Amino acid sequence: MTSLPRITLGALAAACCFASVAALAQPYDSTAPLTRVQVRAEVIEWQRAGYDQSDDWSHYPESALRAGAIVAERRAETATPAGGARH
């Protein structure tokens, strides 16, 4: 009679392991809405690139494009390996 609960417990453990592996295998959805923390991190990243949203309206398009290019360049630098791309 004790083997039945062990089989049940084993099956439950296997199901939990499979479910966690399947959950981790989900692809990242880039179209998902951003969290508040992600938005704040992006604002800080733009400010570090030189964009000031409070008094930047006189040079709005140019300064935003410049800061966006700087942010994109920094992200590209962190995405590539330190030794450069290998083929």
Protein backbone atom coordinates (compact mmCIF):
# COMPACT_ATOMS: atom_id res chain seq x y z
CA MET A 1 0.00 0.00 0.00
CA THR A 2 2.93 2.37 0.52
CA SER A 3 4.04 2.06 -3.11
CA LEU A 4 0.94 3.85 -4.41
CA PRO A 5 1.67 7.13 -2.58
CA ARG A 6 5.31 6.91 -3.73
CA ILE A 7 4.21 6.49 -7.34
CA THR A 8 1.79 9.39 -6.97
CA LEU A 9 4.46 11.55 -5.36
CA GLY A 10 6.93 10.64 -8.12
CA ALA A 11 4.40 11.47 -10.82
CA LEU A 12 3.61 14.79 -9.13
CA ALA A 13 7.31 15.66 -8.87
CA ALA A 14 7.85 14.78 -12.53
CA ALA A 15 4.87 16.91 -13.56
CA CYS A 16 6.20 19.87 -11.56
CA CYS A 17 9.65 19.53 -13.14
CA PHE A 18 8.16 19.35 -16.61
CA ALA A 19 5.94 22.38 -15.97
CA SER A 20 8.86 24.47 -14.72
CA VAL A 21 11.02 23.55 -17.73
CA ALA A 22 8.17 24.38 -20.08
CA ALA A 23 7.63 27.73 -18.37
CA LEU A 24 11.31 28.64 -18.68
CA ALA A 25 11.29 27.73 -22.36
CA GLN A 26 8.77 30.46 -23.17
CA PRO A 27 10.27 32.98 -25.63
CA TYR A 28 10.67 36.61 -24.64
CA ASP A 29 7.80 38.69 -25.96
CA SER A 30 9.19 42.05 -27.08
CA THR A 31 5.65 43.35 -27.72
CA ALA A 32 4.61 42.84 -24.10
CA PRO A 33 3.94 46.03 -22.12
CA LEU A 34 6.87 47.37 -20.12
CA THR A 35 6.89 47.30 -16.36
CA ARG A 36 7.28 50.45 -14.31
CA VAL A 37 10.83 49.42 -13.40
CA GLN A 38 11.73 48.95 -17.08
CA VAL A 39 10.33 52.37 -18.00
CA ARG A 40 12.27 54.06 -15.19
CA ALA A 41 15.45 52.29 -16.29
CA GLU A 42 14.95 53.52 -19.86
CA VAL A 43 14.34 57.10 -18.69
CA ILE A 44 17.56 56.99 -16.67
CA GLU A 45 19.39 55.55 -19.68
CA TRP A 46 18.15 58.41 -21.88
CA GLN A 47 19.10 60.99 -19.24
CA ARG A 48 22.62 59.55 -19.07
CA ALA A 49 22.77 59.92 -22.85
CA GLY A 50 22.16 63.65 -22.44
CA TYR A 51 18.41 63.95 -22.91
CA ASP A 52 16.67 66.29 -20.47
CA GLN A 53 12.91 66.05 -20.77
CA SER A 54 12.19 69.05 -18.55
CA ASP A 55 13.79 71.85 -20.60
CA ASP A 56 14.46 70.20 -23.93
CA TRP A 57 11.41 71.34 -25.91
CA SER A 58 13.29 74.00 -27.87
CA HIS A 59 15.58 71.35 -29.41
CA TYR A 60 13.14 68.45 -29.11
CA PRO A 61 13.51 66.43 -32.29
CA GLU A 62 17.28 66.77 -32.62
CA SER A 63 18.12 66.11 -28.98
CA ALA A 64 15.78 63.13 -28.75
CA LEU A 65 17.21 61.60 -31.91
CA ARG A 66 20.76 62.20 -30.68
CA ALA A 67 20.03 60.62 -27.29
CA GLY A 68 18.24 57.73 -28.97
CA ALA A 69 21.27 57.08 -31.17
CA ILE A 70 23.57 57.15 -28.13
CA VAL A 71 21.32 54.72 -26.25
CA ALA A 72 21.15 52.39 -29.27
CA GLU A 73 24.94 52.53 -29.65
CA ARG A 74 25.47 51.71 -25.98
CA ARG A 75 23.03 48.81 -26.17
CA ALA A 76 24.81 47.48 -29.25
CA GLU A 77 28.15 47.70 -27.45
CA THR A 78 26.84 45.68 -24.52
CA ALA A 79 25.20 43.14 -26.83
CA THR A 80 28.39 42.31 -28.75
CA PRO A 81 31.17 40.29 -27.13
CA ALA A 82 34.25 42.18 -25.91
CA GLY A 83 36.46 40.65 -28.59
CA GLY A 84 34.11 41.65 -31.39
CA ALA A 85 31.96 39.48 -33.58
CA ARG A 86 33.37 36.11 -34.56
CA HIS A 87 32.42 34.35 -37.74
